[in-house]
């Protein structure tokens, strides 16, 4: 198939069939340092676009072949919201998807355009990227097309999060020495506190990047997660550069750590030594700790936090 790939099993989003809206070449308004695709000049519009009918024909066939698909994911060799027939395609998918969810993976840059904004409101799930909110860092890491206004991007993201009624996810990818500074974390946190979203995924470089840059370690990711507001629904999504040495945690330290930042079992196994894991299991049995599932991911939290709600 030309447009459809997968299904791909994703712990974050479920079993997904992907739709590549730019299968022949990279077409993007960013040229991110960390992109897994080769560097390419940025564009403001697709120079080549296939019709929704071409894509829907393949999708019907793929859905018949893979009936257990949970999510239909709009993506691209580049930025999917630049696809000129996006609204028509979404409406076409809605007519054939049955119980499947629709999801788009976007860099957020065209969200300030009313046409894109209205189209994304029709999707069941939306994942928006936000790597930086300081102009100099944004330009260095995402290398945007010259017509992109960062201030408009951020404000549109905030507005969209307050309007959208589906499942909204935010993703931040950290690059060593660029957006991992105290100043940028503080600036990102100020924006994230204004958002209404289901989950915020933080990660680092998982695939060979387009440019000679480095990701950050899991230890650094975990440390950064502690700097954000503990009420934010943060999830450490990347563990590629794991070099952490498990440490010993007392009962109090376990509770305090999980109070500041709920962790998954994958996180626990990286951070806690065997004795600490046993202490955690005891705290679970006596109900001092509990588990909370968010978007298919199970987190450990203090039981007293289960009723705590975020203030928007």
Protein backbone atom coordinates (compact mmCIF):
# COMPACT_ATOMS: atom_id res chain seq x y z
CA UNK A 1 0.00 0.00 0.00
CA UNK A 2 1.17 3.54 -0.73
CA UNK A 3 -0.49 5.49 2.08
CA UNK A 4 -1.37 2.96 4.81
CA UNK A 5 1.15 1.31 7.14
CA UNK A 6 0.89 -0.90 10.19
CA UNK A 7 -0.91 -1.85 12.28
CA UNK A 8 1.54 -0.62 14.88
CA UNK A 9 1.12 -1.54 18.54
CA UNK A 10 1.52 1.60 20.67
CA UNK A 11 1.29 1.52 24.44
CA UNK A 12 0.31 5.18 24.41
CA UNK A 13 -2.32 5.12 21.67
CA UNK A 14 -3.34 1.49 21.09
CA UNK A 15 -3.21 -0.61 17.90
CA UNK A 16 -2.91 1.90 15.08
CA UNK A 17 -3.14 2.00 11.30
CA UNK A 18 -1.07 4.91 10.04
CA UNK A 19 -1.90 7.13 7.07
CA UNK A 20 1.13 8.80 5.47
CA UNK A 21 -0.17 11.93 3.73
CA UNK A 22 3.16 12.60 2.02
CA UNK A 23 4.49 9.17 1.04
CA UNK A 24 6.86 10.29 -1.72
CA UNK A 25 8.99 12.92 0.02
CA UNK A 26 9.43 15.02 3.14
CA UNK A 27 7.07 18.03 3.11
CA UNK A 28 7.26 19.99 6.35
CA UNK A 29 7.22 23.51 7.77
CA UNK A 30 9.86 22.44 10.32
CA UNK A 31 13.33 21.01 9.75
CA UNK A 32 13.84 19.75 13.30
CA UNK A 33 17.34 18.91 14.45
CA UNK A 34 16.12 15.57 15.80
CA UNK A 35 14.02 14.51 12.79
CA UNK A 36 14.57 10.92 11.66
CA UNK A 37 14.12 12.08 8.05
CA UNK A 38 16.92 13.67 6.07
CA UNK A 39 17.25 17.47 6.24
CA UNK A 40 15.03 19.33 3.77
CA UNK A 41 14.06 22.90 3.04
CA UNK A 42 10.93 23.95 4.89
CA UNK A 43 7.70 24.68 3.01
CA UNK A 44 4.41 26.42 3.80
CA UNK A 45 2.24 24.17 1.58
CA UNK A 46 2.42 20.73 -0.01
CA UNK A 47 3.78 20.77 -3.55
CA UNK A 48 2.33 17.30 -4.15
CA UNK A 49 -0.88 15.98 -2.59
CA UNK A 50 -3.00 12.94 -3.34
CA UNK A 51 -6.78 13.04 -3.27
CA UNK A 52 -8.77 11.91 -0.23
CA UNK A 53 -10.42 9.30 -2.48
CA UNK A 54 -7.06 7.66 -3.19
CA UNK A 55 -6.32 7.44 0.53
CA UNK A 56 -9.81 6.30 1.56
CA UNK A 57 -9.76 3.46 -0.97
CA UNK A 58 -6.63 2.05 0.65
CA UNK A 59 -7.97 2.68 4.14
CA UNK A 60 -11.16 0.69 3.49
CA UNK A 61 -9.09 -2.26 2.36
CA UNK A 62 -6.74 -2.02 5.35
CA UNK A 63 -9.61 -1.81 7.84
CA UNK A 64 -11.15 -4.96 6.34
CA UNK A 65 -7.80 -6.71 6.64
CA UNK A 66 -7.15 -5.48 10.20
CA UNK A 67 -10.54 -5.34 11.98
CA UNK A 68 -8.94 -5.11 15.43
CA UNK A 69 -7.47 -1.68 14.69
CA UNK A 70 -8.21 0.78 17.51
CA UNK A 71 -6.84 4.02 16.09
CA UNK A 72 -6.45 5.55 12.62
CA UNK A 73 -3.44 7.85 12.79
CA UNK A 74 -2.87 10.77 10.43
CA UNK A 75 0.84 11.45 10.02
CA UNK A 76 3.28 12.19 7.20
CA UNK A 77 6.84 12.37 5.96
CA UNK A 78 6.62 15.86 7.33
CA UNK A 79 3.64 17.79 8.72
CA UNK A 80 0.16 16.29 8.14
CA UNK A 81 -1.78 19.53 8.70
CA UNK A 82 -0.20 20.95 5.52
CA UNK A 83 -2.21 18.39 3.51
CA UNK A 84 -4.64 20.63 1.58
CA UNK A 85 -7.64 18.26 1.78
CA UNK A 86 -7.33 17.45 5.47
CA UNK A 87 -10.90 18.42 6.39
CA UNK A 88 -12.38 16.39 3.55
CA UNK A 89 -10.24 13.40 4.48
CA UNK A 90 -11.26 13.53 8.15
CA UNK A 91 -14.93 13.68 7.16
CA UNK A 92 -14.40 10.75 4.78
CA UNK A 93 -12.70 8.68 7.49
CA UNK A 94 -15.55 9.40 9.89
CA UNK A 95 -17.96 7.76 7.44
CA UNK A 96 -16.06 4.46 7.36
CA UNK A 97 -14.22 4.21 10.70
CA UNK A 98 -17.09 2.64 12.70
CA UNK A 99 -15.79 2.25 16.28
CA UNK A 100 -12.21 3.29 15.47
CA UNK A 101 -10.70 6.47 16.90
CA UNK A 102 -9.02 9.11 14.72
CA UNK A 103 -5.69 10.63 15.80
CA UNK A 104 -3.31 13.18 14.28
CA UNK A 105 0.36 13.74 15.15
CA UNK A 106 1.18 17.38 14.45
CA UNK A 107 3.89 19.91 15.25
CA UNK A 108 1.16 22.49 16.13
CA UNK A 109 2.54 25.12 13.74
CA UNK A 110 -0.60 25.59 11.62
CA UNK A 111 -3.01 25.50 14.55
CA UNK A 112 -3.27 29.28 14.34
CA UNK A 113 -4.94 28.90 10.93
CA UNK A 114 -8.74 28.72 11.34
CA UNK A 115 -9.11 25.96 8.72
CA UNK A 116 -6.66 23.68 10.54
CA UNK A 117 -8.11 24.55 13.94
CA UNK A 118 -11.64 23.62 12.87
CA UNK A 119 -10.50 20.42 11.15
CA UNK A 120 -8.63 19.16 14.22
CA UNK A 121 -11.69 19.73 16.41
CA UNK A 122 -13.37 16.90 14.44
CA UNK A 123 -10.77 14.31 15.47
CA UNK A 124 -11.15 11.93 18.42
CA UNK A 125 -7.54 12.38 19.53
CA UNK A 126 -4.89 15.01 18.86
CA UNK A 127 -1.19 14.99 19.76
CA UNK A 128 0.46 18.41 19.63
CA UNK A 129 4.20 18.94 19.86
CA UNK A 130 5.69 21.80 21.85
CA UNK A 131 9.47 21.61 22.14
CA UNK A 132 10.14 25.20 23.19
CA UNK A 133 8.35 28.45 23.92
CA UNK A 134 11.37 30.78 23.86
CA UNK A 135 11.91 32.13 20.35
CA UNK A 136 15.66 31.54 20.14
CA UNK A 137 15.37 27.95 21.42
CA UNK A 138 12.38 27.26 19.16
CA UNK A 139 14.30 28.44 16.10
CA UNK A 140 17.35 26.37 17.00
CA UNK A 141 15.61 23.10 17.75
CA UNK A 142 12.63 23.10 15.34
CA UNK A 143 14.10 25.24 12.53
CA UNK A 144 10.65 26.52 11.44
CA UNK A 145 9.59 28.01 8.12
CA UNK A 146 9.95 31.79 8.18
CA UNK A 147 6.18 32.41 8.19
CA UNK A 148 5.58 30.66 11.53
CA UNK A 149 4.74 32.91 14.50
CA UNK A 150 5.69 31.22 17.77
CA UNK A 151 3.51 33.49 19.90
CA UNK A 152 0.47 32.70 17.72
CA UNK A 153 1.33 28.98 17.84
CA UNK A 154 1.43 28.93 21.64
CA UNK A 155 -1.76 30.96 22.06
CA UNK A 156 -3.61 28.77 19.55
CA UNK A 157 -2.46 25.67 21.41
CA UNK A 158 -3.82 27.10 24.67
CA UNK A 159 -7.10 28.08 23.02
CA UNK A 160 -7.46 24.69 21.33
CA UNK A 161 -6.93 22.85 24.60
CA UNK A 162 -9.78 24.78 26.16
CA UNK A 163 -12.14 24.24 23.21
CA UNK A 164 -11.37 20.68 22.11
CA UNK A 165 -13.60 17.96 23.58
CA UNK A 166 -11.57 14.93 22.48
CA UNK A 167 -8.44 13.40 23.97
CA UNK A 168 -5.53 15.84 23.82
CA UNK A 169 -1.88 14.88 24.27
CA UNK A 170 1.17 17.15 24.37
CA UNK A 171 4.67 15.95 23.48
CA UNK A 172 7.99 17.58 24.33
CA UNK A 173 11.24 16.18 22.95
CA UNK A 174 14.39 17.27 24.76
CA UNK A 175 17.72 17.90 23.04
CA UNK A 176 20.87 18.19 25.11
CA UNK A 177 21.95 21.77 25.67
CA UNK A 178 18.94 23.36 23.98
CA UNK A 179 15.55 23.04 25.64
CA UNK A 180 16.71 21.26 28.80
CA UNK A 181 17.82 24.43 30.62
CA UNK A 182 16.21 25.73 33.81
CA UNK A 183 15.01 28.83 31.95
CA UNK A 184 13.24 26.87 29.21
CA UNK A 185 11.68 24.41 31.66
CA UNK A 186 10.27 27.34 33.63
CA UNK A 187 8.88 28.90 30.44
CA UNK A 188 7.38 25.59 29.26
CA UNK A 189 5.83 24.98 32.66
CA UNK A 190 4.10 28.37 32.56
CA UNK A 191 2.43 27.44 29.27
CA UNK A 192 1.59 23.86 30.25
CA UNK A 193 -0.21 25.10 33.36
CA UNK A 194 -2.68 26.88 31.05
CA UNK A 195 -3.50 23.76 29.04
CA UNK A 196 -6.33 21.32 29.49
CA UNK A 197 -4.95 17.97 28.29
CA UNK A 198 -5.03 14.29 29.10
CA UNK A 199 -1.30 13.62 29.13
CA UNK A 200 2.06 15.34 28.58
CA UNK A 201 4.73 13.02 27.17
CA UNK A 202 8.35 14.04 27.66
CA UNK A 203 11.09 12.21 25.82
CA UNK A 204 14.37 12.50 24.00
CA UNK A 205 16.00 11.32 20.76
CA UNK A 206 15.06 7.69 20.04
CA UNK A 207 16.15 7.42 16.39
CA UNK A 208 19.20 8.61 14.43
CA UNK A 209 18.67 12.38 14.05
CA UNK A 210 19.02 14.49 10.93
CA UNK A 211 21.72 16.62 12.54
CA UNK A 212 24.69 15.87 14.87
CA UNK A 213 22.96 16.43 18.22
CA UNK A 214 22.51 14.41 21.41
CA UNK A 215 19.56 13.36 23.48
CA UNK A 216 19.54 13.39 27.27
CA UNK A 217 19.72 10.47 29.68
CA UNK A 218 16.80 8.94 31.52
CA UNK A 219 18.26 10.35 34.75
CA UNK A 220 18.12 13.83 33.24
CA UNK A 221 14.56 13.28 31.98
CA UNK A 222 13.48 12.19 35.43
CA UNK A 223 15.19 15.21 37.01
CA UNK A 224 13.47 17.53 34.52
CA UNK A 225 10.11 15.95 35.31
CA UNK A 226 10.58 17.01 38.93
CA UNK A 227 10.90 20.65 37.87
CA UNK A 228 7.41 20.83 36.38
CA UNK A 229 4.26 21.50 38.36
CA UNK A 230 3.40 18.16 40.05
CA UNK A 231 -0.25 18.60 39.09
CA UNK A 232 0.62 18.32 35.40
CA UNK A 233 -0.17 14.87 33.89
CA UNK A 234 3.44 14.23 32.91
CA UNK A 235 4.66 10.91 31.52
CA UNK A 236 8.27 9.99 30.75
CA UNK A 237 7.90 8.43 27.31
CA UNK A 238 11.52 7.76 26.35
CA UNK A 239 14.04 5.42 27.97
CA UNK A 240 16.54 4.89 25.16
CA UNK A 241 19.59 6.32 26.91
CA UNK A 242 19.13 4.50 30.18
CA UNK A 243 22.24 4.69 32.32
CA UNK A 244 20.66 5.18 35.71
CA UNK A 245 21.78 3.11 38.67
CA UNK A 246 18.90 1.92 40.89
CA UNK A 247 18.85 3.65 44.28
CA UNK A 248 17.53 2.85 47.72
CA UNK A 249 14.30 4.63 48.73
CA UNK A 250 12.74 4.64 52.18
CA UNK A 251 8.96 4.40 52.52
CA UNK A 252 8.77 8.15 53.02
CA UNK A 253 10.97 8.82 49.99
CA UNK A 254 8.82 6.53 47.84
CA UNK A 255 5.64 8.33 48.88
CA UNK A 256 7.19 11.78 48.43
CA UNK A 257 8.60 10.88 45.02
CA UNK A 258 5.27 9.54 43.76
CA UNK A 259 3.48 12.54 45.24
CA UNK A 260 5.62 14.86 43.12
CA UNK A 261 5.61 12.72 40.00
CA UNK A 262 3.55 9.52 39.48
CA UNK A 263 5.71 6.80 37.90
CA UNK A 264 5.12 3.69 35.82
CA UNK A 265 6.56 0.28 36.64
CA UNK A 266 9.14 0.82 33.90
CA UNK A 267 10.27 3.95 35.75
CA UNK A 268 10.26 2.12 39.09
CA UNK A 269 12.50 -0.66 37.77
CA UNK A 270 15.03 1.90 36.56
CA UNK A 271 15.04 4.06 39.67
CA UNK A 272 14.45 1.67 42.60
CA UNK A 273 16.69 -1.13 43.84
CA UNK A 274 15.18 -4.53 44.75
CA UNK A 275 14.62 -3.65 48.42
CA UNK A 276 12.87 -0.42 47.46
CA UNK A 277 10.61 -2.27 45.00
CA UNK A 278 9.64 -4.64 47.83
CA UNK A 279 8.85 -1.63 50.03
CA UNK A 280 6.70 -0.22 47.24
CA UNK A 281 4.82 -3.52 46.97
CA UNK A 282 4.19 -3.46 50.73
CA UNK A 283 2.85 0.09 50.46
CA UNK A 284 0.53 -1.11 47.72
CA UNK A 285 -0.74 -4.02 49.82
CA UNK A 286 -1.51 -1.79 52.80
CA UNK A 287 -3.15 0.71 50.42
CA UNK A 288 -0.82 3.59 51.19
CA UNK A 289 -0.13 3.57 47.46
CA UNK A 290 -2.50 2.88 44.59
CA UNK A 291 -2.46 2.62 40.83
CA UNK A 292 -4.11 5.02 38.43
CA UNK A 293 -4.55 4.31 34.72
CA UNK A 294 -4.34 7.26 32.33
CA UNK A 295 -4.57 6.68 28.58
CA UNK A 296 -3.76 2.96 28.89
CA UNK A 297 -0.73 3.64 31.09
CA UNK A 298 -0.66 2.58 34.74
CA UNK A 299 0.94 4.96 37.24
CA UNK A 300 1.74 4.53 40.93
CA UNK A 301 0.46 7.33 43.18
CA UNK A 302 -0.17 7.90 46.89
CA UNK A 303 -3.73 6.80 47.69
CA UNK A 304 -4.42 10.23 49.14
CA UNK A 305 -3.86 11.74 45.68
CA UNK A 306 -6.52 9.78 43.85
CA UNK A 307 -9.14 12.45 44.43
CA UNK A 308 -6.88 15.34 43.68
CA UNK A 309 -8.03 17.30 40.67
CA UNK A 310 -6.07 19.70 38.55
CA UNK A 311 -7.12 23.32 38.67
CA UNK A 312 -7.56 24.69 35.19
